[in-house]
Amino acid sequence: MNPNVDKVLDVARSEGFIPKSDKDAKVSGRVHRSLLDAAKQRTGLTSETVLLEYALAKVAIEDNFSDQFARLRGSVSKDVELEF
């Protein structure tokens, strides 16, 4: 499996989003074949169930860094010495 996929699923497990218990929810929907194929190609996953679990895990563990970084804009004094 793709090491990045493994990392995401490992973090989701450690956060409790993927418990060891049996799966208890079913999701179904229609998507564009080209999107599905591209996601499978990029991740190396062939199982649509695992691909969906990976995609949901990425959303669940997202850190929102860019939003947090943007909120900090202007919060550091211009007098701070950054040593460059």
PDB file of N, CA and C in Angstrom:
ATOM      1  N   MET A   1       0.859  -1.187   0.000  1.00  0.00           N
ATOM      2  CA  MET A   1       0.000   0.000   0.000  1.00  0.00           C
ATOM      3  C   MET A   1       0.895   1.236   0.000  1.00  0.00           C
ATOM      4  N   ASN A   2       0.362   2.341  -0.419  1.00  0.00           N
ATOM      5  CA  ASN A   2       1.041   3.619  -0.462  1.00  0.00           C
ATOM      6  C   ASN A   2       1.390   4.054   0.970  1.00  0.00           C
ATOM      7  N   PRO A   3       2.664   4.427   1.227  1.00  0.00           N
ATOM      8  CA  PRO A   3       3.046   4.831   2.589  1.00  0.00           C
ATOM      9  C   PRO A   3       2.241   6.023   3.112  1.00  0.00           C
ATOM     10  N   ASN A   4       1.871   6.948   2.238  1.00  0.00           N
ATOM     11  CA  ASN A   4       1.067   8.094   2.670  1.00  0.00           C
ATOM     12  C   ASN A   4      -0.322   7.653   3.097  1.00  0.00           C
ATOM     13  N   VAL A   5      -0.877   6.699   2.382  1.00  0.00           N
ATOM     14  CA  VAL A   5      -2.189   6.153   2.744  1.00  0.00           C
ATOM     15  C   VAL A   5      -2.083   5.487   4.112  1.00  0.00           C
ATOM     16  N   ASP A   6      -1.045   4.693   4.299  1.00  0.00           N
ATOM     17  CA  ASP A   6      -0.824   4.015   5.588  1.00  0.00           C
ATOM     18  C   ASP A   6      -0.736   5.023   6.730  1.00  0.00           C
ATOM     19  N   LYS A   7       0.001   6.114   6.514  1.00  0.00           N
ATOM     20  CA  LYS A   7       0.154   7.129   7.567  1.00  0.00           C
ATOM     21  C   LYS A   7      -1.182   7.758   7.935  1.00  0.00           C
ATOM     22  N   VAL A   8      -1.952   8.115   6.919  1.00  0.00           N
ATOM     23  CA  VAL A   8      -3.256   8.738   7.179  1.00  0.00           C
ATOM     24  C   VAL A   8      -4.156   7.783   7.956  1.00  0.00           C
ATOM     25  N   LEU A   9      -4.214   6.532   7.515  1.00  0.00           N
ATOM     26  CA  LEU A   9      -5.066   5.559   8.207  1.00  0.00           C
ATOM     27  C   LEU A   9      -4.556   5.286   9.622  1.00  0.00           C
ATOM     28  N   ASP A  10      -3.232   5.272   9.810  1.00  0.00           N
ATOM     29  CA  ASP A  10      -2.667   5.079  11.156  1.00  0.00           C
ATOM     30  C   ASP A  10      -3.058   6.227  12.089  1.00  0.00           C
ATOM     31  N   VAL A  11      -2.978   7.459  11.590  1.00  0.00           N
ATOM     32  CA  VAL A  11      -3.360   8.618  12.411  1.00  0.00           C
ATOM     33  C   VAL A  11      -4.851   8.542  12.735  1.00  0.00           C
ATOM     34  N   ALA A  12      -5.659   8.212  11.744  1.00  0.00           N
ATOM     35  CA  ALA A  12      -7.104   8.103  11.978  1.00  0.00           C
ATOM     36  C   ALA A  12      -7.403   7.023  13.020  1.00  0.00           C
ATOM     37  N   ARG A  13      -6.665   5.923  12.977  1.00  0.00           N
ATOM     38  CA  ARG A  13      -6.839   4.876  13.995  1.00  0.00           C
ATOM     39  C   ARG A  13      -6.445   5.400  15.373  1.00  0.00           C
ATOM     40  N   SER A  14      -5.297   6.081  15.437  1.00  0.00           N
ATOM     41  CA  SER A  14      -4.825   6.573  16.744  1.00  0.00           C
ATOM     42  C   SER A  14      -5.756   7.635  17.318  1.00  0.00           C
ATOM     43  N   GLU A  15      -6.457   8.362  16.461  1.00  0.00           N
ATOM     44  CA  GLU A  15      -7.423   9.368  16.908  1.00  0.00           C
ATOM     45  C   GLU A  15      -8.774   8.746  17.264  1.00  0.00           C
ATOM     46  N   GLY A  16      -8.912   7.452  17.008  1.00  0.00           N
ATOM     47  CA  GLY A  16     -10.151   6.765  17.345  1.00  0.00           C
ATOM     48  C   GLY A  16     -11.221   6.822  16.264  1.00  0.00           C
ATOM     49  N   PHE A  17     -10.863   7.346  15.079  1.00  0.00           N
ATOM     50  CA  PHE A  17     -11.840   7.427  14.000  1.00  0.00           C
ATOM     51  C   PHE A  17     -12.064   6.076  13.324  1.00  0.00           C
ATOM     52  N   ILE A  18     -11.088   5.182  13.422  1.00  0.00           N
ATOM     53  CA  ILE A  18     -11.215   3.851  12.832  1.00  0.00           C
ATOM     54  C   ILE A  18     -10.982   2.831  13.946  1.00  0.00           C
ATOM     55  N   PRO A  19     -12.033   2.486  14.673  1.00  0.00           N
ATOM     56  CA  PRO A  19     -11.884   1.518  15.762  1.00  0.00           C
ATOM     57  C   PRO A  19     -11.700   0.098  15.218  1.00  0.00           C
ATOM     58  N   LYS A  20     -11.267  -0.791  16.079  1.00  0.00           N
ATOM     59  CA  LYS A  20     -11.076  -2.189  15.677  1.00  0.00           C
ATOM     60  C   LYS A  20     -12.393  -2.936  15.528  1.00  0.00           C
ATOM     61  N   SER A  21     -13.460  -2.354  16.015  1.00  0.00           N
ATOM     62  CA  SER A  21     -14.763  -3.018  15.949  1.00  0.00           C
ATOM     63  C   SER A  21     -15.257  -3.086  14.501  1.00  0.00           C
ATOM     64  N   ASP A  22     -16.303  -3.851  14.311  1.00  0.00           N
ATOM     65  CA  ASP A  22     -16.897  -3.988  12.984  1.00  0.00           C
ATOM     66  C   ASP A  22     -17.389  -2.642  12.477  1.00  0.00           C
ATOM     67  N   LYS A  23     -17.370  -2.493  11.172  1.00  0.00           N
ATOM     68  CA  LYS A  23     -17.884  -1.268  10.551  1.00  0.00           C
ATOM     69  C   LYS A  23     -19.392  -1.227  10.742  1.00  0.00           C
ATOM     70  N   ASP A  24     -19.910  -0.043  11.044  1.00  0.00           N
ATOM     71  CA  ASP A  24     -21.329   0.049  11.375  1.00  0.00           C
ATOM     72  C   ASP A  24     -22.074   1.112  10.563  1.00  0.00           C
ATOM     73  N   ALA A  25     -21.485   1.583   9.468  1.00  0.00           N
ATOM     74  CA  ALA A  25     -22.161   2.567   8.620  1.00  0.00           C
ATOM     75  C   ALA A  25     -21.942   2.194   7.158  1.00  0.00           C
ATOM     76  N   LYS A  26     -22.924   2.504   6.356  1.00  0.00           N
ATOM     77  CA  LYS A  26     -22.825   2.241   4.928  1.00  0.00           C
ATOM     78  C   LYS A  26     -22.984   3.555   4.187  1.00  0.00           C
ATOM     79  N   VAL A  27     -22.125   3.775   3.194  1.00  0.00           N
ATOM     80  CA  VAL A  27     -22.173   4.982   2.380  1.00  0.00           C
ATOM     81  C   VAL A  27     -22.278   4.552   0.925  1.00  0.00           C
ATOM     82  N   SER A  28     -23.129   5.212   0.185  1.00  0.00           N
ATOM     83  CA  SER A  28     -23.161   4.940  -1.248  1.00  0.00           C
ATOM     84  C   SER A  28     -23.433   6.238  -1.971  1.00  0.00           C
ATOM     85  N   GLY A  29     -22.960   6.309  -3.164  1.00  0.00           N
ATOM     86  CA  GLY A  29     -23.169   7.513  -3.957  1.00  0.00           C
ATOM     87  C   GLY A  29     -22.612   7.310  -5.344  1.00  0.00           C
ATOM     88  N   ARG A  30     -22.891   8.239  -6.197  1.00  0.00           N
ATOM     89  CA  ARG A  30     -22.404   8.170  -7.560  1.00  0.00           C
ATOM     90  C   ARG A  30     -21.338   9.243  -7.736  1.00  0.00           C
ATOM     91  N   VAL A  31     -20.241   8.868  -8.372  1.00  0.00           N
ATOM     92  CA  VAL A  31     -19.143   9.805  -8.614  1.00  0.00           C
ATOM     93  C   VAL A  31     -18.707   9.684 -10.075  1.00  0.00           C
ATOM     94  N   HIS A  32     -17.955  10.659 -10.509  1.00  0.00           N
ATOM     95  CA  HIS A  32     -17.417  10.613 -11.864  1.00  0.00           C
ATOM     96  C   HIS A  32     -16.320   9.551 -11.946  1.00  0.00           C
ATOM     97  N   ARG A  33     -16.396   8.714 -12.950  1.00  0.00           N
ATOM     98  CA  ARG A  33     -15.419   7.639 -13.143  1.00  0.00           C
ATOM     99  C   ARG A  33     -14.002   8.196 -13.208  1.00  0.00           C
ATOM    100  N   SER A  34     -13.811   9.340 -13.887  1.00  0.00           N
ATOM    101  CA  SER A  34     -12.466   9.903 -14.021  1.00  0.00           C
ATOM    102  C   SER A  34     -11.887  10.294 -12.658  1.00  0.00           C
ATOM    103  N   LEU A  35     -12.735  10.801 -11.751  1.00  0.00           N
ATOM    104  CA  LEU A  35     -12.281  11.153 -10.406  1.00  0.00           C
ATOM    105  C   LEU A  35     -11.897   9.895  -9.632  1.00  0.00           C
ATOM    106  N   LEU A  36     -12.727   8.885  -9.714  1.00  0.00           N
ATOM    107  CA  LEU A  36     -12.452   7.620  -9.041  1.00  0.00           C
ATOM    108  C   LEU A  36     -11.163   7.001  -9.562  1.00  0.00           C
ATOM    109  N   ASP A  37     -11.010   6.962 -10.873  1.00  0.00           N
ATOM    110  CA  ASP A  37      -9.802   6.379 -11.471  1.00  0.00           C
ATOM    111  C   ASP A  37      -8.550   7.151 -11.077  1.00  0.00           C
ATOM    112  N   ALA A  38      -8.642   8.477 -11.075  1.00  0.00           N
ATOM    113  CA  ALA A  38      -7.491   9.297 -10.699  1.00  0.00           C
ATOM    114  C   ALA A  38      -7.102   9.073  -9.237  1.00  0.00           C
ATOM    115  N   ALA A  39      -8.096   8.963  -8.368  1.00  0.00           N
ATOM    116  CA  ALA A  39      -7.826   8.730  -6.942  1.00  0.00           C
ATOM    117  C   ALA A  39      -7.185   7.361  -6.731  1.00  0.00           C
ATOM    118  N   LYS A  40      -7.673   6.366  -7.430  1.00  0.00           N
ATOM    119  CA  LYS A  40      -7.083   5.026  -7.331  1.00  0.00           C
ATOM    120  C   LYS A  40      -5.648   5.048  -7.843  1.00  0.00           C
ATOM    121  N   GLN A  41      -5.432   5.712  -8.962  1.00  0.00           N
ATOM    122  CA  GLN A  41      -4.083   5.806  -9.548  1.00  0.00           C
ATOM    123  C   GLN A  41      -3.121   6.491  -8.581  1.00  0.00           C
ATOM    124  N   ARG A  42      -3.558   7.602  -8.026  1.00  0.00           N
ATOM    125  CA  ARG A  42      -2.685   8.390  -7.150  1.00  0.00           C
ATOM    126  C   ARG A  42      -2.343   7.652  -5.855  1.00  0.00           C
ATOM    127  N   THR A  43      -3.320   6.931  -5.311  1.00  0.00           N
ATOM    128  CA  THR A  43      -3.108   6.256  -4.027  1.00  0.00           C
ATOM    129  C   THR A  43      -2.580   4.838  -4.186  1.00  0.00           C
ATOM    130  N   GLY A  44      -2.805   4.262  -5.347  1.00  0.00           N
ATOM    131  CA  GLY A  44      -2.438   2.863  -5.542  1.00  0.00           C
ATOM    132  C   GLY A  44      -3.469   1.905  -4.971  1.00  0.00           C
ATOM    133  N   LEU A  45      -4.592   2.422  -4.521  1.00  0.00           N
ATOM    134  CA  LEU A  45      -5.637   1.586  -3.947  1.00  0.00           C
ATOM    135  C   LEU A  45      -6.531   1.040  -5.058  1.00  0.00           C
ATOM    136  N   THR A  46      -6.954  -0.188  -4.902  1.00  0.00           N
ATOM    137  CA  THR A  46      -7.876  -0.769  -5.873  1.00  0.00           C
ATOM    138  C   THR A  46      -9.263  -0.974  -5.267  1.00  0.00           C
ATOM    139  N   SER A  47      -9.323  -1.076  -3.967  1.00  0.00           N
ATOM    140  CA  SER A  47     -10.590  -1.259  -3.268  1.00  0.00           C
ATOM    141  C   SER A  47     -11.284   0.085  -3.091  1.00  0.00           C
ATOM    142  N   GLU A  48     -12.490   0.180  -3.593  1.00  0.00           N
ATOM    143  CA  GLU A  48     -13.240   1.425  -3.433  1.00  0.00           C
ATOM    144  C   GLU A  48     -13.609   1.672  -1.971  1.00  0.00           C
ATOM    145  N   THR A  49     -13.795   0.618  -1.205  1.00  0.00           N
ATOM    146  CA  THR A  49     -14.096   0.762   0.219  1.00  0.00           C
ATOM    147  C   THR A  49     -12.903   1.369   0.955  1.00  0.00           C
ATOM    148  N   VAL A  50     -11.710   0.846   0.694  1.00  0.00           N
ATOM    149  CA  VAL A  50     -10.511   1.379   1.346  1.00  0.00           C
ATOM    150  C   VAL A  50     -10.241   2.805   0.873  1.00  0.00           C
ATOM    151  N   LEU A  51     -10.458   3.071  -0.412  1.00  0.00           N
ATOM    152  CA  LEU A  51     -10.266   4.415  -0.942  1.00  0.00           C
ATOM    153  C   LEU A  51     -11.200   5.409  -0.250  1.00  0.00           C
ATOM    154  N   LEU A  52     -12.447   5.038  -0.073  1.00  0.00           N
ATOM    155  CA  LEU A  52     -13.410   5.900   0.604  1.00  0.00           C
ATOM    156  C   LEU A  52     -13.012   6.117   2.066  1.00  0.00           C
ATOM    157  N   GLU A  53     -12.575   5.054   2.735  1.00  0.00           N
ATOM    158  CA  GLU A  53     -12.152   5.180   4.125  1.00  0.00           C
ATOM    159  C   GLU A  53     -10.941   6.102   4.235  1.00  0.00           C
ATOM    160  N   TYR A  54     -10.006   5.959   3.300  1.00  0.00           N
ATOM    161  CA  TYR A  54      -8.829   6.831   3.273  1.00  0.00           C
ATOM    162  C   TYR A  54      -9.237   8.298   3.061  1.00  0.00           C
ATOM    163  N   ALA A  55     -10.111   8.542   2.098  1.00  0.00           N
ATOM    164  CA  ALA A  55     -10.548   9.907   1.803  1.00  0.00           C
ATOM    165  C   ALA A  55     -11.250  10.533   3.011  1.00  0.00           C
ATOM    166  N   LEU A  56     -12.109   9.771   3.650  1.00  0.00           N
ATOM    167  CA  LEU A  56     -12.804  10.278   4.842  1.00  0.00           C
ATOM    168  C   LEU A  56     -11.830  10.517   5.987  1.00  0.00           C
ATOM    169  N   ALA A  57     -10.840   9.646   6.124  1.00  0.00           N
ATOM    170  CA  ALA A  57      -9.828   9.820   7.167  1.00  0.00           C
ATOM    171  C   ALA A  57      -9.040  11.104   6.940  1.00  0.00           C
ATOM    172  N   LYS A  58      -8.693  11.393   5.679  1.00  0.00           N
ATOM    173  CA  LYS A  58      -7.964  12.635   5.384  1.00  0.00           C
ATOM    174  C   LYS A  58      -8.764  13.856   5.830  1.00  0.00           C
ATOM    175  N   VAL A  59     -10.049  13.848   5.584  1.00  0.00           N
ATOM    176  CA  VAL A  59     -10.890  14.973   5.995  1.00  0.00           C
ATOM    177  C   VAL A  59     -10.980  15.032   7.522  1.00  0.00           C
ATOM    178  N   ALA A  60     -11.142  13.887   8.155  1.00  0.00           N
ATOM    179  CA  ALA A  60     -11.318  13.839   9.615  1.00  0.00           C
ATOM    180  C   ALA A  60     -10.075  14.313  10.369  1.00  0.00           C
ATOM    181  N   ILE A  61      -8.883  14.059   9.826  1.00  0.00           N
ATOM    182  CA  ILE A  61      -7.664  14.423  10.556  1.00  0.00           C
ATOM    183  C   ILE A  61      -7.024  15.705  10.037  1.00  0.00           C
ATOM    184  N   GLU A  62      -7.652  16.360   9.072  1.00  0.00           N
ATOM    185  CA  GLU A  62      -7.092  17.582   8.506  1.00  0.00           C
ATOM    186  C   GLU A  62      -6.810  18.586   9.610  1.00  0.00           C
ATOM    187  N   ASP A  63      -5.645  19.232   9.534  1.00  0.00           N
ATOM    188  CA  ASP A  63      -5.259  20.145  10.615  1.00  0.00           C
ATOM    189  C   ASP A  63      -5.636  21.600  10.368  1.00  0.00           C
ATOM    190  N   ASN A  64      -6.150  21.936   9.200  1.00  0.00           N
ATOM    191  CA  ASN A  64      -6.559  23.311   8.881  1.00  0.00           C
ATOM    192  C   ASN A  64      -5.435  24.315   9.081  1.00  0.00           C
ATOM    193  N   PHE A  65      -4.198  23.893   8.760  1.00  0.00           N
ATOM    194  CA  PHE A  65      -3.035  24.758   8.951  1.00  0.00           C
ATOM    195  C   PHE A  65      -3.195  26.106   8.259  1.00  0.00           C
ATOM    196  N   SER A  66      -3.645  26.096   7.016  1.00  0.00           N
ATOM    197  CA  SER A  66      -3.727  27.357   6.269  1.00  0.00           C
ATOM    198  C   SER A  66      -4.695  28.337   6.928  1.00  0.00           C
ATOM    199  N   ASP A  67      -5.814  27.841   7.432  1.00  0.00           N
ATOM    200  CA  ASP A  67      -6.768  28.721   8.120  1.00  0.00           C
ATOM    201  C   ASP A  67      -6.160  29.290   9.401  1.00  0.00           C
ATOM    202  N   GLN A  68      -5.495  28.434  10.154  1.00  0.00           N
ATOM    203  CA  GLN A  68      -4.875  28.883  11.398  1.00  0.00           C
ATOM    204  C   GLN A  68      -3.755  29.884  11.121  1.00  0.00           C
ATOM    205  N   PHE A  69      -2.958  29.607  10.084  1.00  0.00           N
ATOM    206  CA  PHE A  69      -1.863  30.496   9.710  1.00  0.00           C
ATOM    207  C   PHE A  69      -2.399  31.863   9.300  1.00  0.00           C
ATOM    208  N   ALA A  70      -3.471  31.882   8.514  1.00  0.00           N
ATOM    209  CA  ALA A  70      -4.067  33.140   8.072  1.00  0.00           C
ATOM    210  C   ALA A  70      -4.587  33.950   9.254  1.00  0.00           C
ATOM    211  N   ARG A  71      -5.144  33.299  10.251  1.00  0.00           N
ATOM    212  CA  ARG A  71      -5.652  34.011  11.439  1.00  0.00           C
ATOM    213  C   ARG A  71      -4.530  34.679  12.223  1.00  0.00           C
ATOM    214  N   LEU A  72      -3.300  34.171  12.101  1.00  0.00           N
ATOM    215  CA  LEU A  72      -2.168  34.738  12.827  1.00  0.00           C
ATOM    216  C   LEU A  72      -1.570  35.967  12.138  1.00  0.00           C
ATOM    217  N   ARG A  73      -2.005  36.243  10.931  1.00  0.00           N
ATOM    218  CA  ARG A  73      -1.457  37.372  10.172  1.00  0.00           C
ATOM    219  C   ARG A  73      -1.521  38.659  10.991  1.00  0.00           C
ATOM    220  N   GLY A  74      -0.380  39.302  11.096  1.00  0.00           N
ATOM    221  CA  GLY A  74      -0.305  40.569  11.817  1.00  0.00           C
ATOM    222  C   GLY A  74      -0.217  40.421  13.322  1.00  0.00           C
ATOM    223  N   SER A  75      -0.124  39.200  13.843  1.00  0.00           N
ATOM    224  CA  SER A  75      -0.116  39.009  15.291  1.00  0.00           C
ATOM    225  C   SER A  75       1.291  39.047  15.890  1.00  0.00           C
ATOM    226  N   VAL A  76       2.324  39.057  15.047  1.00  0.00           N
ATOM    227  CA  VAL A  76       3.696  39.124  15.541  1.00  0.00           C
ATOM    228  C   VAL A  76       4.182  40.555  15.388  1.00  0.00           C
ATOM    229  N   SER A  77       4.714  41.085  16.447  1.00  0.00           N
ATOM    230  CA  SER A  77       5.212  42.467  16.445  1.00  0.00           C
ATOM    231  C   SER A  77       6.303  42.647  15.396  1.00  0.00           C
ATOM    232  N   LYS A  78       6.296  43.792  14.744  1.00  0.00           N
ATOM    233  CA  LYS A  78       7.333  44.103  13.749  1.00  0.00           C
ATOM    234  C   LYS A  78       8.687  44.292  14.401  1.00  0.00           C
ATOM    235  N   ASP A  79       8.742  44.417  15.731  1.00  0.00           N
ATOM    236  CA  ASP A  79       9.986  44.591  16.451  1.00  0.00           C
ATOM    237  C   ASP A  79      10.690  43.271  16.761  1.00  0.00           C
ATOM    238  N   VAL A  80      10.067  42.177  16.473  1.00  0.00           N
ATOM    239  CA  VAL A  80      10.671  40.872  16.768  1.00  0.00           C
ATOM    240  C   VAL A  80      11.881  40.651  15.874  1.00  0.00           C
ATOM    241  N   GLU A  81      13.004  40.260  16.478  1.00  0.00           N
ATOM    242  CA  GLU A  81      14.233  39.991  15.732  1.00  0.00           C
ATOM    243  C   GLU A  81      14.185  38.579  15.181  1.00  0.00           C
ATOM    244  N   LEU A  82      14.161  38.441  13.852  1.00  0.00           N
ATOM    245  CA  LEU A  82      14.053  37.127  13.216  1.00  0.00           C
ATOM    246  C   LEU A  82      15.417  36.588  12.780  1.00  0.00           C
ATOM    247  N   GLU A  83      16.447  37.320  13.024  1.00  0.00           N
ATOM    248  CA  GLU A  83      17.832  36.922  12.738  1.00  0.00           C
ATOM    249  C   GLU A  83      18.099  36.663  11.272  1.00  0.00           C
ATOM    250  N   PHE A  84      17.531  37.461  10.343  1.00  0.00           N
ATOM    251  CA  PHE A  84      18.011  37.388   8.982  1.00  0.00           C
ATOM    252  C   PHE A  84      18.482  38.701   8.541  1.00  0.00           C
TER     253      PHE A  84
END
